[in-house]
Amino acid sequence: MQTAFGSAFGEFDRYPIEQAERRLLDALRVAVAEISIKELAYRLDVSPSLLADALAERSSKGVRAAWVVTIVELATEANAIAIVDAFLGRRALEVQPKKQLSAEERAERYEEKLRSLGPIGLQLIRDANGDRR
């Protein structure tokens, strides 16, 4: 199957890929409408009709990857985020924040590290606790 991006995919993967392409094309169209076809065509050094045909899926060549990079560069922040989000999907952007340790947990970890140093580490622990043995 020829898609808007010029790739061929098997029947098994077709539906999710078409949905992803549709979201990406929609995000690209919004950004290009704001930038303007003429401005973008000038920046890409292509004819406005070639660009318009690719975005409207009237071209068998489809949207080129280099165009996407330029569109993201010229787009507003919100449109650039929408394009990247559509391209990667929410799954790729979900990052688990690093767990923040409490003061007690940090102290325990520091003490473990100091204990691993042997007698010197034990002496540092005693000094930190005010023990003058």
N, C-alpha and C. Protein backbone atom coordinates (compact mmCIF):
# COMPACT_ATOMS: atom_id res chain seq x y z
N MET A 1 0.84 -1.18 0.00
CA MET A 1 0.00 0.00 0.00
C MET A 1 0.88 1.24 0.00
N GLN A 2 0.63 2.14 -0.89
CA GLN A 2 1.36 3.40 -0.95
C GLN A 2 0.69 4.38 0.01
N THR A 3 1.46 4.95 0.89
CA THR A 3 0.89 5.88 1.87
C THR A 3 1.32 7.30 1.55
N ALA A 4 0.83 8.23 2.34
CA ALA A 4 1.17 9.63 2.13
C ALA A 4 2.65 9.89 2.30
N PHE A 5 3.35 8.99 2.98
CA PHE A 5 4.78 9.17 3.21
C PHE A 5 5.62 8.30 2.29
N GLY A 6 4.99 7.68 1.31
CA GLY A 6 5.72 6.93 0.31
C GLY A 6 6.24 5.59 0.79
N SER A 7 5.64 5.01 1.84
CA SER A 7 6.11 3.74 2.36
C SER A 7 5.07 2.65 2.09
N ALA A 8 5.53 1.43 2.00
CA ALA A 8 4.62 0.30 1.81
C ALA A 8 4.57 -0.51 3.09
N PHE A 9 3.37 -0.84 3.55
CA PHE A 9 3.20 -1.60 4.77
C PHE A 9 2.28 -2.77 4.50
N GLY A 10 2.47 -3.86 5.22
CA GLY A 10 1.62 -5.03 5.10
C GLY A 10 0.23 -4.78 5.67
N GLU A 11 -0.71 -5.63 5.31
CA GLU A 11 -2.09 -5.49 5.77
C GLU A 11 -2.20 -5.54 7.28
N PHE A 12 -1.36 -6.34 7.95
CA PHE A 12 -1.47 -6.51 9.39
C PHE A 12 -1.23 -5.19 10.12
N ASP A 13 -0.27 -4.41 9.67
CA ASP A 13 0.10 -3.16 10.34
C ASP A 13 -0.64 -1.94 9.80
N ARG A 14 -1.42 -2.11 8.80
CA ARG A 14 -1.98 -1.00 8.04
C ARG A 14 -2.80 -0.02 8.87
N TYR A 15 -3.73 -0.51 9.67
CA TYR A 15 -4.65 0.39 10.37
C TYR A 15 -3.94 1.30 11.37
N PRO A 16 -3.13 0.78 12.29
CA PRO A 16 -2.45 1.69 13.23
C PRO A 16 -1.52 2.68 12.52
N ILE A 17 -0.88 2.25 11.46
CA ILE A 17 0.03 3.13 10.74
C ILE A 17 -0.75 4.23 10.03
N GLU A 18 -1.89 3.87 9.44
CA GLU A 18 -2.70 4.89 8.79
C GLU A 18 -3.21 5.91 9.80
N GLN A 19 -3.58 5.46 10.99
CA GLN A 19 -4.02 6.40 12.03
C GLN A 19 -2.88 7.34 12.42
N ALA A 20 -1.70 6.79 12.60
CA ALA A 20 -0.54 7.61 12.98
C ALA A 20 -0.21 8.61 11.87
N GLU A 21 -0.26 8.16 10.63
CA GLU A 21 0.00 9.06 9.51
C GLU A 21 -1.06 10.15 9.42
N ARG A 22 -2.29 9.80 9.66
CA ARG A 22 -3.38 10.78 9.61
C ARG A 22 -3.16 11.87 10.66
N ARG A 23 -2.80 11.47 11.90
CA ARG A 23 -2.55 12.45 12.95
C ARG A 23 -1.37 13.35 12.58
N LEU A 24 -0.33 12.74 12.00
CA LEU A 24 0.85 13.53 11.62
C LEU A 24 0.52 14.49 10.48
N LEU A 25 -0.17 13.99 9.47
CA LEU A 25 -0.54 14.87 8.35
C LEU A 25 -1.44 16.01 8.81
N ASP A 26 -2.37 15.72 9.70
CA ASP A 26 -3.24 16.78 10.23
C ASP A 26 -2.42 17.85 10.96
N ALA A 27 -1.48 17.41 11.78
CA ALA A 27 -0.63 18.35 12.52
C ALA A 27 0.24 19.16 11.54
N LEU A 28 0.75 18.51 10.51
CA LEU A 28 1.56 19.22 9.51
C LEU A 28 0.73 20.25 8.76
N ARG A 29 -0.49 19.88 8.39
CA ARG A 29 -1.36 20.81 7.65
C ARG A 29 -1.66 22.05 8.48
N VAL A 30 -1.91 21.87 9.76
CA VAL A 30 -2.20 23.02 10.63
C VAL A 30 -0.99 23.95 10.68
N ALA A 31 0.18 23.37 10.86
CA ALA A 31 1.40 24.18 10.93
C ALA A 31 1.68 24.89 9.61
N VAL A 32 1.50 24.18 8.50
CA VAL A 32 1.77 24.78 7.19
C VAL A 32 0.76 25.89 6.90
N ALA A 33 -0.48 25.72 7.32
CA ALA A 33 -1.48 26.76 7.11
C ALA A 33 -1.06 28.04 7.84
N GLU A 34 -0.47 27.88 9.00
CA GLU A 34 -0.02 29.05 9.75
C GLU A 34 1.24 29.68 9.12
N ILE A 35 2.15 28.83 8.67
CA ILE A 35 3.39 29.33 8.05
C ILE A 35 3.09 29.94 6.69
N SER A 36 2.26 29.32 5.91
CA SER A 36 1.81 29.61 4.54
C SER A 36 2.58 28.72 3.56
N ILE A 37 1.84 28.25 2.60
CA ILE A 37 2.41 27.36 1.58
C ILE A 37 3.54 28.08 0.83
N LYS A 38 3.31 29.34 0.47
CA LYS A 38 4.31 30.08 -0.31
C LYS A 38 5.60 30.24 0.46
N GLU A 39 5.51 30.63 1.74
CA GLU A 39 6.71 30.82 2.57
C GLU A 39 7.47 29.51 2.72
N LEU A 40 6.73 28.45 3.03
CA LEU A 40 7.38 27.15 3.22
C LEU A 40 8.00 26.64 1.93
N ALA A 41 7.28 26.78 0.82
CA ALA A 41 7.82 26.34 -0.47
C ALA A 41 9.11 27.09 -0.79
N TYR A 42 9.13 28.38 -0.51
CA TYR A 42 10.34 29.18 -0.73
C TYR A 42 11.49 28.64 0.12
N ARG A 43 11.22 28.40 1.41
CA ARG A 43 12.25 27.89 2.32
C ARG A 43 12.75 26.51 1.92
N LEU A 44 11.85 25.69 1.37
CA LEU A 44 12.21 24.32 0.98
C LEU A 44 12.77 24.26 -0.44
N ASP A 45 12.65 25.35 -1.18
CA ASP A 45 13.08 25.41 -2.57
C ASP A 45 12.34 24.38 -3.42
N VAL A 46 11.02 24.35 -3.23
CA VAL A 46 10.13 23.50 -4.04
C VAL A 46 8.97 24.36 -4.52
N SER A 47 8.25 23.85 -5.49
CA SER A 47 7.09 24.62 -5.96
C SER A 47 5.95 24.51 -4.96
N PRO A 48 5.19 25.58 -4.79
CA PRO A 48 4.06 25.53 -3.88
C PRO A 48 3.06 24.42 -4.23
N SER A 49 2.90 24.16 -5.53
CA SER A 49 1.94 23.12 -5.94
C SER A 49 2.42 21.73 -5.52
N LEU A 50 3.73 21.49 -5.59
CA LEU A 50 4.27 20.20 -5.16
C LEU A 50 4.01 19.99 -3.66
N LEU A 51 4.26 21.02 -2.90
CA LEU A 51 4.05 20.96 -1.45
C LEU A 51 2.56 20.78 -1.13
N ALA A 52 1.71 21.55 -1.78
CA ALA A 52 0.27 21.46 -1.55
C ALA A 52 -0.25 20.08 -1.94
N ASP A 53 0.21 19.55 -3.06
CA ASP A 53 -0.23 18.22 -3.50
C ASP A 53 0.19 17.14 -2.50
N ALA A 54 1.41 17.24 -1.98
CA ALA A 54 1.89 16.25 -1.01
C ALA A 54 1.06 16.30 0.26
N LEU A 55 0.78 17.49 0.76
CA LEU A 55 0.00 17.63 1.99
C LEU A 55 -1.46 17.22 1.80
N ALA A 56 -1.97 17.37 0.58
CA ALA A 56 -3.35 16.98 0.28
C ALA A 56 -3.44 15.53 -0.17
N GLU A 57 -2.31 14.84 -0.18
CA GLU A 57 -2.21 13.44 -0.58
C GLU A 57 -2.60 13.22 -2.04
N ARG A 58 -2.31 14.22 -2.86
CA ARG A 58 -2.54 14.10 -4.30
C ARG A 58 -1.27 13.69 -5.03
N SER A 59 -0.17 13.61 -4.31
CA SER A 59 1.12 13.27 -4.90
C SER A 59 1.51 11.86 -4.48
N SER A 60 2.04 11.11 -5.43
CA SER A 60 2.48 9.75 -5.09
C SER A 60 3.79 9.75 -4.31
N LYS A 61 4.50 10.88 -4.31
CA LYS A 61 5.77 10.97 -3.59
C LYS A 61 5.58 11.27 -2.11
N GLY A 62 4.52 11.95 -1.76
CA GLY A 62 4.22 12.22 -0.35
C GLY A 62 5.09 13.30 0.25
N VAL A 63 4.95 13.45 1.55
CA VAL A 63 5.70 14.45 2.31
C VAL A 63 7.11 13.92 2.56
N ARG A 64 8.08 14.76 2.36
CA ARG A 64 9.47 14.35 2.55
C ARG A 64 9.92 14.63 3.98
N ALA A 65 10.80 13.79 4.48
CA ALA A 65 11.29 13.94 5.86
C ALA A 65 11.97 15.29 6.06
N ALA A 66 12.72 15.75 5.09
CA ALA A 66 13.40 17.05 5.22
C ALA A 66 12.39 18.18 5.36
N TRP A 67 11.24 18.03 4.76
CA TRP A 67 10.20 19.04 4.88
C TRP A 67 9.70 19.11 6.32
N VAL A 68 9.53 17.95 6.92
CA VAL A 68 9.01 17.89 8.29
C VAL A 68 9.95 18.65 9.24
N VAL A 69 11.23 18.46 9.06
CA VAL A 69 12.21 19.16 9.90
C VAL A 69 12.06 20.67 9.76
N THR A 70 11.96 21.15 8.54
CA THR A 70 11.80 22.58 8.29
C THR A 70 10.47 23.09 8.83
N ILE A 71 9.41 22.32 8.66
CA ILE A 71 8.11 22.74 9.18
C ILE A 71 8.18 22.89 10.69
N VAL A 72 8.81 21.94 11.36
CA VAL A 72 8.94 22.02 12.82
C VAL A 72 9.76 23.25 13.22
N GLU A 73 10.81 23.55 12.47
CA GLU A 73 11.62 24.73 12.76
C GLU A 73 10.84 26.03 12.61
N LEU A 74 9.97 26.10 11.62
CA LEU A 74 9.24 27.34 11.34
C LEU A 74 7.92 27.44 12.11
N ALA A 75 7.44 26.34 12.61
CA ALA A 75 6.14 26.31 13.28
C ALA A 75 6.19 27.00 14.64
N THR A 76 5.03 27.41 15.10
CA THR A 76 4.94 27.93 16.46
C THR A 76 5.26 26.78 17.42
N GLU A 77 5.54 27.12 18.65
CA GLU A 77 5.88 26.08 19.63
C GLU A 77 4.76 25.06 19.77
N ALA A 78 3.52 25.54 19.83
CA ALA A 78 2.38 24.63 20.00
C ALA A 78 2.26 23.68 18.80
N ASN A 79 2.43 24.20 17.60
CA ASN A 79 2.32 23.35 16.41
C ASN A 79 3.51 22.39 16.30
N ALA A 80 4.69 22.85 16.67
CA ALA A 80 5.86 21.96 16.66
C ALA A 80 5.66 20.80 17.63
N ILE A 81 5.13 21.10 18.81
CA ILE A 81 4.86 20.06 19.80
C ILE A 81 3.81 19.09 19.27
N ALA A 82 2.78 19.62 18.61
CA ALA A 82 1.74 18.77 18.05
C ALA A 82 2.31 17.83 16.99
N ILE A 83 3.21 18.32 16.17
CA ILE A 83 3.83 17.49 15.13
C ILE A 83 4.68 16.40 15.76
N VAL A 84 5.53 16.78 16.68
CA VAL A 84 6.40 15.80 17.33
C VAL A 84 5.57 14.78 18.10
N ASP A 85 4.53 15.24 18.77
CA ASP A 85 3.64 14.35 19.51
C ASP A 85 2.96 13.37 18.56
N ALA A 86 2.49 13.86 17.42
CA ALA A 86 1.85 12.99 16.43
C ALA A 86 2.85 12.00 15.85
N PHE A 87 4.07 12.45 15.65
CA PHE A 87 5.10 11.59 15.07
C PHE A 87 5.51 10.48 16.03
N LEU A 88 5.76 10.84 17.27
CA LEU A 88 6.23 9.87 18.25
C LEU A 88 5.11 9.16 18.97
N GLY A 89 3.98 9.81 19.09
CA GLY A 89 2.89 9.25 19.86
C GLY A 89 3.13 9.50 21.34
N ARG A 90 2.07 9.51 22.11
CA ARG A 90 2.16 9.80 23.54
C ARG A 90 3.02 8.78 24.27
N ARG A 91 3.01 7.52 23.84
CA ARG A 91 3.79 6.50 24.54
C ARG A 91 5.25 6.86 24.62
N ALA A 92 5.81 7.38 23.54
CA ALA A 92 7.24 7.68 23.52
C ALA A 92 7.58 8.88 24.41
N LEU A 93 6.61 9.73 24.68
CA LEU A 93 6.89 10.92 25.46
C LEU A 93 6.65 10.74 26.95
N GLU A 94 6.01 9.63 27.31
CA GLU A 94 5.73 9.41 28.73
C GLU A 94 7.00 8.94 29.43
N VAL A 95 7.50 9.77 30.29
CA VAL A 95 8.72 9.47 31.03
C VAL A 95 8.37 9.46 32.50
N GLN A 96 8.79 8.43 33.18
CA GLN A 96 8.53 8.35 34.60
C GLN A 96 9.50 9.28 35.32
N PRO A 97 8.96 10.19 36.13
CA PRO A 97 9.87 11.08 36.87
C PRO A 97 10.69 10.29 37.88
N LYS A 98 11.90 10.72 38.08
CA LYS A 98 12.78 10.06 39.04
C LYS A 98 12.24 10.29 40.44
N LYS A 99 12.18 9.22 41.21
CA LYS A 99 11.66 9.31 42.56
C LYS A 99 12.57 10.20 43.41
N GLN A 100 11.97 11.15 44.10
CA GLN A 100 12.72 12.03 44.99
C GLN A 100 12.87 11.34 46.34
N LEU A 101 14.09 11.25 46.80
CA LEU A 101 14.36 10.61 48.09
C LEU A 101 14.10 11.59 49.23
N SER A 102 13.62 11.05 50.33
CA SER A 102 13.45 11.88 51.53
C SER A 102 14.82 12.10 52.15
N ALA A 103 14.89 13.02 53.08
CA ALA A 103 16.16 13.30 53.77
C ALA A 103 16.67 12.05 54.47
N GLU A 104 15.75 11.28 55.08
CA GLU A 104 16.15 10.05 55.78
C GLU A 104 16.71 9.01 54.81
N GLU A 105 16.05 8.87 53.65
CA GLU A 105 16.53 7.91 52.66
C GLU A 105 17.90 8.30 52.13
N ARG A 106 18.10 9.60 51.88
CA ARG A 106 19.42 10.06 51.43
C ARG A 106 20.47 9.80 52.49
N ALA A 107 20.15 10.08 53.76
CA ALA A 107 21.10 9.86 54.85
C ALA A 107 21.47 8.38 54.94
N GLU A 108 20.47 7.49 54.80
CA GLU A 108 20.75 6.06 54.83
C GLU A 108 21.70 5.65 53.71
N ARG A 109 21.46 6.17 52.52
CA ARG A 109 22.33 5.83 51.38
C ARG A 109 23.75 6.34 51.59
N TYR A 110 23.86 7.58 52.10
CA TYR A 110 25.20 8.13 52.37
C TYR A 110 25.92 7.27 53.41
N GLU A 111 25.19 6.89 54.44
CA GLU A 111 25.80 6.07 55.49
C GLU A 111 26.26 4.72 54.94
N GLU A 112 25.45 4.11 54.06
CA GLU A 112 25.84 2.84 53.44
C GLU A 112 27.14 3.02 52.65
N LYS A 113 27.21 4.10 51.91
CA LYS A 113 28.42 4.37 51.11
C LYS A 113 29.63 4.57 52.02
N LEU A 114 29.42 5.32 53.10
CA LEU A 114 30.53 5.55 54.03
C LEU A 114 30.97 4.24 54.69
N ARG A 115 30.03 3.39 55.07
CA ARG A 115 30.37 2.10 55.69
C ARG A 115 31.19 1.23 54.73
N SER A 116 30.92 1.36 53.43
CA SER A 116 31.66 0.56 52.45
C SER A 116 33.12 0.98 52.36
N LEU A 117 33.48 2.14 52.93
CA LEU A 117 34.87 2.61 52.91
C LEU A 117 35.71 2.01 54.03
N GLY A 118 35.07 1.24 54.90
CA GLY A 118 35.80 0.60 55.98
C GLY A 118 36.01 1.52 57.16
N PRO A 119 37.16 1.42 57.86
CA PRO A 119 37.41 2.20 59.08
C PRO A 119 37.32 3.70 58.86
N ILE A 120 37.76 4.18 57.72
CA ILE A 120 37.70 5.62 57.46
C ILE A 120 36.25 6.07 57.38
N GLY A 121 35.42 5.31 56.70
CA GLY A 121 34.00 5.64 56.59
C GLY A 121 33.31 5.61 57.94
N LEU A 122 33.66 4.59 58.77
CA LEU A 122 33.06 4.51 60.11
C LEU A 122 33.46 5.71 60.96
N GLN A 123 34.71 6.14 60.81
CA GLN A 123 35.16 7.32 61.56
C GLN A 123 34.40 8.57 61.10
N LEU A 124 34.16 8.69 59.81
CA LEU A 124 33.41 9.83 59.29
C LEU A 124 31.97 9.83 59.82
N ILE A 125 31.38 8.65 59.92
CA ILE A 125 30.02 8.54 60.46
C ILE A 125 30.02 8.98 61.92
N ARG A 126 31.00 8.49 62.69
CA ARG A 126 31.08 8.87 64.11
C ARG A 126 31.28 10.38 64.25
N ASP A 127 32.15 10.96 63.42
CA ASP A 127 32.38 12.41 63.48
C ASP A 127 31.11 13.18 63.15
N ALA A 128 30.37 12.73 62.13
CA ALA A 128 29.15 13.41 61.73
C ALA A 128 28.08 13.34 62.82
N ASN A 129 28.09 12.23 63.61
CA ASN A 129 27.13 12.07 64.68
C ASN A 129 27.59 12.70 66.00
N GLY A 130 28.79 13.28 66.00
CA GLY A 130 29.31 13.93 67.21
C GLY A 130 29.89 12.96 68.20
N ASP A 131 30.17 11.75 67.79
CA ASP A 131 30.76 10.73 68.67
C ASP A 131 32.27 10.93 68.66
N ARG A 132 32.91 11.17 69.83
CA ARG A 132 34.33 11.48 69.91
C ARG A 132 35.15 10.31 70.39
N ARG A 133 34.87 9.09 70.02
CA ARG A 133 35.66 7.94 70.46
C ARG A 133 37.02 7.93 69.89
